[in-house]
Amino acid sequence: MENTSCRQQAAEIFQAVLRSMDPSELVQEHASRIASLYRAENYQKLYLVSFGKAAFPMAKALTDAVGGILSRGILITKDGHVPEAGLPEKIAIYEAAHPVPDIRGVLATEKIIELLKEADRETLVVCLISGGGSALLVAPHEGIDLREKQDITQLLLKAGADIGEMNTVRKHLSRIKGGRLAQLAYPAKVVSLILSDVIGDPLDVIASGPTAPDETTFQDALAVLDRYHLKDRIPEKAHDILTRGALGEIPETPKANNPIFDKVENIIIGSNKEALQIAKREALARFYSTVILSSELRGEAREVGRWLAYQAIEAYHESGPTAPGKICLIAGGETTVTVTGNGLGGRNTELALAFAWEIKGTEGITLLSAGTDGTDGPTDAAGAIVDGGTLIRAEASGLDVEVCLAANDSYHFLEKTADLLITGPTGTNVMDLQIILLDENIHVR
């Protein structure tokens, strides 16, 4: 296979990032402070609430460190993200669906709501929040049911709405998102340790900001629906709630001036920006001239893939064709896919396929594009590793890249070219990472 060395080095850099973003170690760095706070303020109860794709390793790290003072806890994570054992019986563990919520998530969230209602001034609540929390922490607004919430999520996903837009709508159709978890816990002290999976790390967007002041409004949620022409497609009850909220007939989500946030501390313990710096360090250690292109990649995945291909070719030309040396370009963020076909794929495989199309036949350019959680959209792949030979191999197998992209079928295309990157659940989630390697023997057509 072409560029075996570069493909291997890209994978090694990616794995190094995952190790450094291990949520267990990130939580451990804050565990002693939480124990000290509990004792110094003379709290009588310690509640643990953990939700997201990294909920299990985060909870295990904290309970290993402070389990002796833990009163009770509840954990909600994605199917397949729970090892066989490792948590004390005080922690109730629930698995649920992601990215479209299911009834298990609703029932588990009700358990969290019940627990928080027991909190008082003598209670310290520790929230461990990671990517996927929006879908896993589910408490539909009174007047709508789970099926309607699922329909809305699916419509937003297929329309290509980004995570911020999706969460703006979800927060205003929820009883626990948009600062309402903190509202439920008040007057207890709340400390949230947060693994960010959102561009720019805005606290009100990560997992729909359950412990953060909400900067968005009902009117903003309606504007998102307008932008994607979904106002007439969402369930009537949901539209009615958003409309009544915009008219002031339903209370807004808690804002920054609400006194409940005097009792809340939100701490980001890991992010995509940190992941990019780790990737840069690893590339430099392998003697690559390294540049971080962006920590805020967004937009249509295939368009971003084309843009990254242009950046790679431009880097080659700027370095000098006679002796380009080893170059590494790094980017991160989270793109979107507007689904128009019936194929299978995620944003990283679609991005990678578009990149591979642009560099068809070019020797010496390799791209790894993958989700740090190990899951790319509705697939079992983290993403893909492609090079100039990807399209050559595809044509030999009778594959048509235009047909596959039109059908949003990047997964099956890259499966047949043996370019999928499958890691399984990684236990962390700091958005997506793109690593482009240009080797010393590059030849641009």
Protein backbone atom coordinates (compact mmCIF):
# COMPACT_ATOMS: atom_id res chain seq x y z
CA MET A 1 0.00 0.00 0.00
CA GLU A 2 1.29 3.47 -0.91
CA ASN A 3 2.95 5.59 1.80
CA THR A 4 2.87 2.83 4.39
CA SER A 5 5.35 4.73 6.54
CA CYS A 6 3.36 7.96 6.45
CA ARG A 7 0.11 6.14 7.13
CA GLN A 8 1.69 4.44 10.13
CA GLN A 9 3.16 7.68 11.46
CA ALA A 10 -0.16 9.49 11.09
CA ALA A 11 -1.84 6.72 13.07
CA GLU A 12 0.88 6.89 15.74
CA ILE A 13 0.44 10.64 16.11
CA PHE A 14 -3.32 10.15 16.45
CA GLN A 15 -2.86 7.46 19.10
CA ALA A 16 -0.47 9.71 21.03
CA VAL A 17 -3.18 12.39 21.11
CA LEU A 18 -5.71 9.88 22.45
CA ARG A 19 -3.33 8.83 25.22
CA SER A 20 -2.70 12.42 26.26
CA MET A 21 -6.42 13.16 26.22
CA ASP A 22 -7.17 10.19 28.49
CA PRO A 23 -10.11 11.47 30.56
CA SER A 24 -9.05 9.36 33.56
CA GLU A 25 -5.79 11.23 33.91
CA LEU A 26 -7.44 14.58 33.23
CA VAL A 27 -9.98 13.99 36.02
CA GLN A 28 -7.32 12.71 38.43
CA GLU A 29 -5.57 16.07 38.19
CA HIS A 30 -8.62 17.67 39.86
CA ALA A 31 -9.68 14.91 42.26
CA SER A 32 -7.63 16.05 45.25
CA ARG A 33 -9.05 19.57 44.97
CA ILE A 34 -12.59 18.20 45.02
CA ALA A 35 -11.82 16.14 48.14
CA SER A 36 -10.28 19.20 49.80
CA LEU A 37 -13.31 21.33 48.91
CA TYR A 38 -15.66 18.72 50.36
CA ARG A 39 -13.83 18.68 53.68
CA ALA A 40 -13.03 22.39 53.90
CA GLU A 41 -16.66 23.43 53.36
CA ASN A 42 -17.93 20.67 55.64
CA TYR A 43 -20.30 19.16 53.07
CA GLN A 44 -22.27 16.16 54.26
CA LYS A 45 -23.13 14.55 50.91
CA LEU A 46 -21.18 14.08 47.69
CA TYR A 47 -23.25 13.29 44.61
CA LEU A 48 -21.68 12.27 41.31
CA VAL A 49 -23.43 12.80 37.98
CA SER A 50 -21.51 11.66 34.89
CA PHE A 51 -22.81 11.73 31.31
CA GLY A 52 -21.33 11.55 27.83
CA LYS A 53 -19.15 9.18 25.83
CA ALA A 54 -16.33 9.46 28.38
CA ALA A 55 -18.64 9.14 31.39
CA PHE A 56 -17.27 5.80 32.57
CA PRO A 57 -13.51 6.53 32.64
CA MET A 58 -14.16 9.97 34.13
CA ALA A 59 -16.34 8.50 36.88
CA LYS A 60 -13.89 5.71 37.60
CA ALA A 61 -11.01 8.15 37.97
CA LEU A 62 -12.94 10.26 40.46
CA THR A 63 -14.29 7.34 42.50
CA ASP A 64 -10.84 5.76 42.65
CA ALA A 65 -9.57 9.00 44.17
CA VAL A 66 -12.42 10.10 46.44
CA GLY A 67 -14.71 7.07 46.62
CA GLY A 68 -14.62 7.01 50.41
CA ILE A 69 -16.62 10.22 50.68
CA LEU A 70 -19.00 9.51 47.80
CA SER A 71 -22.67 9.25 48.78
CA ARG A 72 -24.38 8.32 45.50
CA GLY A 73 -23.89 8.65 41.78
CA ILE A 74 -25.50 8.14 38.38
CA LEU A 75 -23.75 7.58 35.06
CA ILE A 76 -25.19 7.69 31.53
CA THR A 77 -23.08 6.75 28.53
CA LYS A 78 -23.36 5.50 24.98
CA ASP A 79 -23.98 1.83 24.23
CA GLY A 80 -20.74 -0.14 24.21
CA HIS A 81 -18.84 2.41 26.32
CA VAL A 82 -19.03 0.53 29.64
CA PRO A 83 -16.35 -2.02 30.61
CA GLU A 84 -17.43 -5.06 32.59
CA ALA A 85 -16.58 -3.66 36.01
CA GLY A 86 -14.75 -0.97 37.88
CA LEU A 87 -17.25 1.29 39.66
CA PRO A 88 -18.63 0.96 43.20
CA GLU A 89 -22.24 -0.10 43.73
CA LYS A 90 -23.05 3.45 44.79
CA ILE A 91 -22.89 4.40 41.11
CA ALA A 92 -25.91 3.44 39.00
CA ILE A 93 -24.81 2.85 35.39
CA TYR A 94 -27.07 3.37 32.38
CA GLU A 95 -26.40 2.98 28.67
CA ALA A 96 -28.44 4.80 26.04
CA ALA A 97 -28.50 5.69 22.35
CA HIS A 98 -26.45 8.35 20.58
CA PRO A 99 -26.76 10.61 18.55
CA VAL A 100 -30.55 10.18 18.51
CA PRO A 101 -31.84 9.82 22.11
CA ASP A 102 -33.94 6.86 23.22
CA ILE A 103 -36.23 5.94 26.10
CA ARG A 104 -33.32 4.55 28.14
CA GLY A 105 -31.73 7.99 28.17
CA VAL A 106 -35.02 9.52 29.29
CA LEU A 107 -35.44 7.06 32.17
CA ALA A 108 -31.82 7.47 33.28
CA THR A 109 -32.11 11.26 33.19
CA GLU A 110 -35.21 11.07 35.38
CA LYS A 111 -33.05 9.26 37.94
CA ILE A 112 -30.58 12.16 37.83
CA ILE A 113 -33.40 14.67 38.30
CA GLU A 114 -34.65 12.72 41.32
CA LEU A 115 -31.15 12.65 42.81
CA LEU A 116 -30.61 16.38 42.30
CA LYS A 117 -33.91 17.21 43.98
CA GLU A 118 -32.45 15.64 47.15
CA ALA A 119 -29.45 18.00 47.09
CA ASP A 120 -29.28 20.83 49.63
CA ARG A 121 -26.82 23.39 50.99
CA GLU A 122 -24.78 20.60 52.57
CA THR A 123 -24.36 18.77 49.24
CA LEU A 124 -21.48 18.92 46.78
CA VAL A 125 -22.51 17.78 43.30
CA VAL A 126 -19.72 16.83 40.90
CA CYS A 127 -20.73 16.70 37.25
CA LEU A 128 -18.47 14.92 34.77
CA ILE A 129 -19.44 16.09 31.30
CA SER A 130 -18.19 14.87 27.93
CA GLY A 131 -19.22 14.86 24.29
CA GLY A 132 -22.46 13.08 23.53
CA GLY A 133 -24.06 14.48 26.67
CA SER A 134 -26.76 16.30 24.72
CA ALA A 135 -28.18 13.06 23.34
CA LEU A 136 -27.67 11.01 26.50
CA LEU A 137 -29.05 13.48 29.04
CA VAL A 138 -32.66 13.62 27.89
CA ALA A 139 -35.62 15.23 29.63
CA PRO A 140 -38.12 16.50 27.06
CA HIS A 141 -40.01 19.67 27.89
CA GLU A 142 -43.47 19.12 29.27
CA GLY A 143 -45.83 18.79 26.34
CA ILE A 144 -43.54 16.85 23.99
CA ASP A 145 -42.50 13.22 24.04
CA LEU A 146 -39.33 11.33 23.15
CA ARG A 147 -40.45 10.46 19.63
CA GLU A 148 -40.92 14.13 18.82
CA LYS A 149 -37.49 14.94 20.29
CA GLN A 150 -35.97 12.15 18.17
CA ASP A 151 -37.63 13.49 15.02
CA ILE A 152 -36.26 16.97 15.67
CA THR A 153 -32.73 15.64 16.24
CA GLN A 154 -32.86 13.63 13.01
CA LEU A 155 -34.14 16.61 11.02
CA LEU A 156 -31.34 18.84 12.32
CA LEU A 157 -28.68 16.20 11.68
CA LYS A 158 -29.79 15.57 8.10
CA ALA A 159 -30.08 19.29 7.40
CA GLY A 160 -26.41 19.75 8.31
CA ALA A 161 -26.93 21.88 11.44
CA ASP A 162 -23.76 22.24 13.50
CA ILE A 163 -23.51 21.29 17.17
CA GLY A 164 -24.18 24.83 18.40
CA GLU A 165 -27.32 25.16 16.31
CA MET A 166 -28.58 21.74 17.33
CA ASN A 167 -28.02 22.49 21.00
CA THR A 168 -29.77 25.86 20.76
CA VAL A 169 -32.93 24.01 19.78
CA ARG A 170 -32.43 21.10 22.18
CA LYS A 171 -31.85 23.37 25.19
CA HIS A 172 -35.19 25.05 24.70
CA LEU A 173 -37.04 21.77 24.45
CA SER A 174 -35.48 20.32 27.61
CA ARG A 175 -36.04 20.32 31.37
CA ILE A 176 -32.35 19.80 32.21
CA LYS A 177 -30.17 21.43 29.53
CA GLY A 178 -29.24 25.09 29.20
CA GLY A 179 -28.35 25.60 32.88
CA ARG A 180 -31.37 23.76 34.17
CA LEU A 181 -29.32 20.97 35.78
CA ALA A 182 -27.65 23.63 37.95
CA GLN A 183 -31.10 25.03 38.66
CA LEU A 184 -32.31 21.61 39.81
CA ALA A 185 -29.28 21.16 42.10
CA TYR A 186 -29.52 24.61 43.71
CA PRO A 187 -28.70 25.44 46.52
CA ALA A 188 -26.07 22.70 46.39
CA LYS A 189 -22.53 23.50 45.27
CA VAL A 190 -21.87 22.21 41.72
CA VAL A 191 -18.42 21.55 40.27
CA SER A 192 -18.36 20.41 36.64
CA LEU A 193 -15.28 18.85 35.03
CA ILE A 194 -15.78 19.16 31.29
CA LEU A 195 -14.16 17.44 28.32
CA SER A 196 -14.93 19.82 25.46
CA ASP A 197 -16.09 18.56 22.07
CA VAL A 198 -17.15 21.96 20.74
CA ILE A 199 -15.21 24.54 18.72
CA GLY A 200 -14.01 27.37 20.96
CA ASP A 201 -15.06 25.51 24.15
CA PRO A 202 -18.22 27.57 24.89
CA LEU A 203 -19.62 26.29 28.17
CA ASP A 204 -23.20 26.90 27.11
CA VAL A 205 -22.82 24.63 24.05
CA ILE A 206 -20.86 21.63 25.39
CA ALA A 207 -23.48 18.92 26.06
CA SER A 208 -26.03 21.76 25.74
CA GLY A 209 -24.60 23.53 28.79
CA PRO A 210 -26.51 21.83 31.63
CA THR A 211 -24.51 23.67 34.33
CA ALA A 212 -23.74 26.89 32.43
CA PRO A 213 -25.69 30.10 31.83
CA ASP A 214 -27.48 29.91 28.50
CA GLU A 215 -26.67 32.69 26.06
CA THR A 216 -29.33 31.59 23.55
CA THR A 217 -33.05 32.21 23.55
CA PHE A 218 -36.28 30.69 22.31
CA GLN A 219 -36.10 33.17 19.45
CA ASP A 220 -32.63 31.86 18.53
CA ALA A 221 -34.02 28.32 18.42
CA LEU A 222 -36.74 29.45 16.01
CA ALA A 223 -34.09 31.16 13.88
CA VAL A 224 -32.19 27.86 13.55
CA LEU A 225 -35.32 26.15 12.29
CA ASP A 226 -35.87 28.99 9.83
CA ARG A 227 -32.29 28.74 8.57
CA TYR A 228 -32.77 25.09 7.62
CA HIS A 229 -36.40 25.44 6.52
CA LEU A 230 -37.59 23.12 9.27
CA LYS A 231 -40.25 25.24 10.95
CA ASP A 232 -43.07 23.46 9.17
CA ARG A 233 -41.47 20.03 9.54
CA ILE A 234 -40.95 19.75 13.27
CA PRO A 235 -43.77 18.41 15.47
CA GLU A 236 -46.49 20.97 16.12
CA LYS A 237 -46.18 20.72 19.91
CA ALA A 238 -42.46 21.48 19.79
CA HIS A 239 -43.02 24.48 17.52
CA ASP A 240 -45.72 25.71 19.89
CA ILE A 241 -43.34 25.53 22.89
CA LEU A 242 -40.65 27.50 21.06
CA THR A 243 -43.16 30.08 19.86
CA ARG A 244 -44.71 30.54 23.30
CA GLY A 245 -41.23 30.82 24.80
CA ALA A 246 -40.30 33.53 22.31
CA LEU A 247 -43.46 35.40 23.34
CA GLY A 248 -42.47 35.18 27.01
CA GLU A 249 -45.20 32.74 27.96
CA ILE A 250 -42.67 30.07 29.04
CA PRO A 251 -39.68 30.90 31.30
CA GLU A 252 -36.35 31.26 29.52
CA THR A 253 -33.33 29.12 30.32
CA PRO A 254 -31.26 30.55 33.22
CA LYS A 255 -28.98 33.42 32.20
CA ALA A 256 -25.66 34.66 33.61
CA ASN A 257 -27.25 37.01 36.15
CA ASN A 258 -29.15 34.16 37.82
CA PRO A 259 -27.88 33.62 41.42
CA ILE A 260 -27.82 29.85 40.95
CA PHE A 261 -24.52 30.26 39.09
CA ASP A 262 -22.87 31.73 42.19
CA LYS A 263 -22.83 28.11 43.38
CA VAL A 264 -21.42 26.64 40.14
CA GLU A 265 -17.85 26.12 38.99
CA ASN A 266 -17.27 24.90 35.42
CA ILE A 267 -13.76 23.65 34.56
CA ILE A 268 -12.65 22.55 31.10
CA ILE A 269 -10.10 19.77 31.56
CA GLY A 270 -9.46 18.80 27.92
CA SER A 271 -10.10 20.30 24.48
CA ASN A 272 -9.34 20.09 20.78
CA LYS A 273 -6.84 22.95 21.04
CA GLU A 274 -4.79 20.92 23.50
CA ALA A 275 -5.07 17.88 21.24
CA LEU A 276 -3.64 19.85 18.31
CA GLN A 277 -0.66 20.95 20.38
CA ILE A 278 0.02 17.33 21.32
CA ALA A 279 -0.21 16.29 17.67
CA LYS A 280 2.24 19.06 16.75
CA ARG A 281 4.68 17.91 19.43
CA GLU A 282 4.51 14.35 18.16
CA ALA A 283 5.03 15.41 14.54
CA LEU A 284 8.03 17.56 15.47
CA ALA A 285 9.51 14.57 17.30
CA ARG A 286 9.31 12.70 13.99
CA PHE A 287 11.22 15.52 12.26
CA TYR A 288 8.28 17.05 10.38
CA SER A 289 8.09 20.78 9.77
CA THR A 290 4.72 21.29 11.40
CA VAL A 291 1.96 23.88 11.10
CA ILE A 292 -1.44 24.00 12.80
CA LEU A 293 -3.84 25.23 10.13
CA SER A 294 -6.92 25.70 12.29
CA SER A 295 -8.59 24.59 15.49
CA GLU A 296 -11.97 25.68 14.18
CA LEU A 297 -12.70 23.64 11.06
CA ARG A 298 -16.40 23.71 10.32
CA GLY A 299 -18.74 23.63 7.35
CA GLU A 300 -19.54 20.93 4.81
CA ALA A 301 -17.14 18.02 5.23
CA ARG A 302 -16.45 17.54 1.53
CA GLU A 303 -15.69 21.24 1.05
CA VAL A 304 -13.30 21.20 3.99
CA GLY A 305 -11.67 18.08 2.54
CA ARG A 306 -11.04 19.91 -0.73
CA TRP A 307 -9.67 22.94 1.11
CA LEU A 308 -7.26 20.77 3.09
CA ALA A 309 -6.05 19.14 -0.13
CA TYR A 310 -5.32 22.60 -1.55
CA GLN A 311 -3.41 23.49 1.62
CA ALA A 312 -1.30 20.36 1.28
CA ILE A 313 -0.44 21.05 -2.36
CA GLU A 314 0.27 24.70 -1.59
CA ALA A 315 2.60 23.68 1.26
CA TYR A 316 4.50 21.51 -1.22
CA HIS A 317 4.91 24.36 -3.70
CA GLU A 318 5.92 26.88 -1.04
CA SER A 319 8.57 24.55 0.39
CA GLY A 320 10.26 24.15 -2.97
CA PRO A 321 9.67 21.16 -5.27
CA THR A 322 13.36 20.26 -5.42
CA ALA A 323 13.63 19.55 -1.70
CA PRO A 324 10.27 19.82 0.06
CA GLY A 325 11.36 17.85 3.13
CA LYS A 326 8.88 16.35 5.58
CA ILE A 327 5.84 18.53 6.27
CA CYS A 328 2.94 18.01 8.67
CA LEU A 329 -0.25 20.07 8.56
CA ILE A 330 -2.67 19.70 11.46
CA ALA A 331 -6.26 20.85 11.90
CA GLY A 332 -9.17 20.21 14.21
CA GLY A 333 -12.82 21.07 14.70
CA GLU A 334 -16.05 19.46 13.61
CA THR A 335 -17.54 19.58 10.15
CA THR A 336 -21.08 18.68 9.10
CA VAL A 337 -22.69 16.61 6.35
CA THR A 338 -25.92 17.58 4.65
CA VAL A 339 -27.43 14.17 3.97
CA THR A 340 -29.08 13.85 0.56
CA GLY A 341 -28.36 10.18 -0.18
CA ASN A 342 -29.06 6.82 1.39
CA GLY A 343 -25.48 5.68 1.89
CA LEU A 344 -23.43 5.16 5.04
CA GLY A 345 -20.74 7.52 6.26
CA GLY A 346 -19.69 10.18 8.70
CA ARG A 347 -18.14 13.61 8.45
CA ASN A 348 -14.57 12.28 8.62
CA THR A 349 -14.96 9.65 5.92
CA GLU A 350 -16.73 12.14 3.66
CA LEU A 351 -13.98 14.71 4.28
CA ALA A 352 -11.29 12.12 3.62
CA LEU A 353 -12.91 10.90 0.41
CA ALA A 354 -13.18 14.46 -0.94
CA PHE A 355 -9.51 15.01 -0.03
CA ALA A 356 -8.47 11.79 -1.76
CA TRP A 357 -10.34 12.83 -4.91
CA GLU A 358 -8.39 16.09 -5.06
CA ILE A 359 -4.98 14.39 -4.68
CA LYS A 360 -5.72 11.42 -6.96
CA GLY A 361 -2.46 9.96 -8.26
CA THR A 362 -0.26 12.27 -6.16
CA GLU A 363 2.56 10.44 -4.45
CA GLY A 364 3.64 11.44 -0.97
CA ILE A 365 0.52 13.02 0.58
CA THR A 366 -1.37 11.22 3.35
CA LEU A 367 -4.36 12.39 5.36
CA LEU A 368 -5.77 10.97 8.58
CA SER A 369 -9.17 12.38 9.50
CA ALA A 370 -10.87 10.92 12.54
CA GLY A 371 -13.12 11.54 15.50
CA THR A 372 -11.23 11.32 18.78
CA ASP A 373 -14.14 9.37 20.29
CA GLY A 374 -13.57 6.55 17.81
CA THR A 375 -16.97 6.98 16.17
CA ASP A 376 -17.59 8.82 12.91
CA GLY A 377 -21.29 9.54 12.63
CA PRO A 378 -23.51 6.42 12.43
CA THR A 379 -20.57 4.08 11.70
CA ASP A 380 -18.09 1.87 13.55
CA ALA A 381 -15.12 3.74 12.06
CA ALA A 382 -13.26 6.62 13.67
CA GLY A 383 -12.56 8.00 10.20
CA ALA A 384 -10.08 7.15 7.47
CA ILE A 385 -6.47 7.37 6.29
CA VAL A 386 -6.22 8.20 2.59
CA ASP A 387 -3.47 8.97 0.10
CA GLY A 388 -2.91 9.53 -3.60
CA GLY A 389 -3.52 5.86 -4.30
CA THR A 390 -6.99 5.73 -2.75
CA LEU A 391 -8.82 6.71 -5.93
CA ILE A 392 -6.51 4.53 -8.06
CA ARG A 393 -7.42 1.50 -5.93
CA ALA A 394 -11.08 2.48 -6.08
CA GLU A 395 -11.17 2.65 -9.87
CA ALA A 396 -9.53 -0.76 -10.06
CA SER A 397 -12.46 -2.05 -8.00
CA GLY A 398 -15.04 -0.34 -10.18
CA LEU A 399 -15.95 2.34 -7.64
CA ASP A 400 -17.18 5.77 -8.75
CA VAL A 401 -16.28 8.57 -6.32
CA GLU A 402 -18.91 10.97 -7.67
CA VAL A 403 -21.68 8.41 -7.24
CA CYS A 404 -20.56 7.54 -3.71
CA LEU A 405 -20.33 11.16 -2.58
CA ALA A 406 -23.74 11.92 -4.06
CA ALA A 407 -25.14 9.02 -2.06
CA ASN A 408 -23.23 10.01 1.10
CA ASP A 409 -21.71 6.52 0.94
CA SER A 410 -18.11 7.31 1.88
CA TYR A 411 -17.94 4.46 4.41
CA HIS A 412 -18.52 1.66 1.90
CA PHE A 413 -16.19 3.31 -0.64
CA LEU A 414 -13.30 3.54 1.84
CA GLU A 415 -14.08 0.12 3.24
CA LYS A 416 -13.45 -1.35 -0.21
CA THR A 417 -10.20 0.61 -0.63
CA ALA A 418 -9.05 -0.56 2.83
CA ASP A 419 -8.71 3.04 4.05
CA LEU A 420 -11.08 3.03 7.03
CA LEU A 421 -9.59 3.76 10.46
CA ILE A 422 -11.33 1.64 13.09
CA THR A 423 -10.24 2.14 16.70
CA GLY A 424 -13.35 1.21 18.66
CA PRO A 425 -14.57 3.52 21.46
CA THR A 426 -11.57 5.50 22.72
CA GLY A 427 -13.01 6.71 26.01
CA THR A 428 -12.38 10.35 25.16
CA ASN A 429 -13.95 12.99 22.91
CA VAL A 430 -12.32 16.28 21.90
CA MET A 431 -13.84 16.60 18.41
CA ASP A 432 -12.08 15.64 15.18
CA LEU A 433 -8.44 15.69 14.15
CA GLN A 434 -6.90 15.97 10.69
CA ILE A 435 -3.23 15.08 10.20
CA ILE A 436 -1.68 15.63 6.76
CA LEU A 437 1.80 14.28 6.12
CA LEU A 438 3.93 15.17 3.09
CA ASP A 439 6.94 12.92 2.75
CA GLU A 440 10.34 13.72 1.29
CA ASN A 441 9.62 11.95 -1.98
CA ILE A 442 6.42 13.78 -2.79
CA HIS A 443 5.49 14.10 -6.42
CA VAL A 444 2.55 16.38 -7.27
CA ARG A 445 1.01 15.70 -10.65
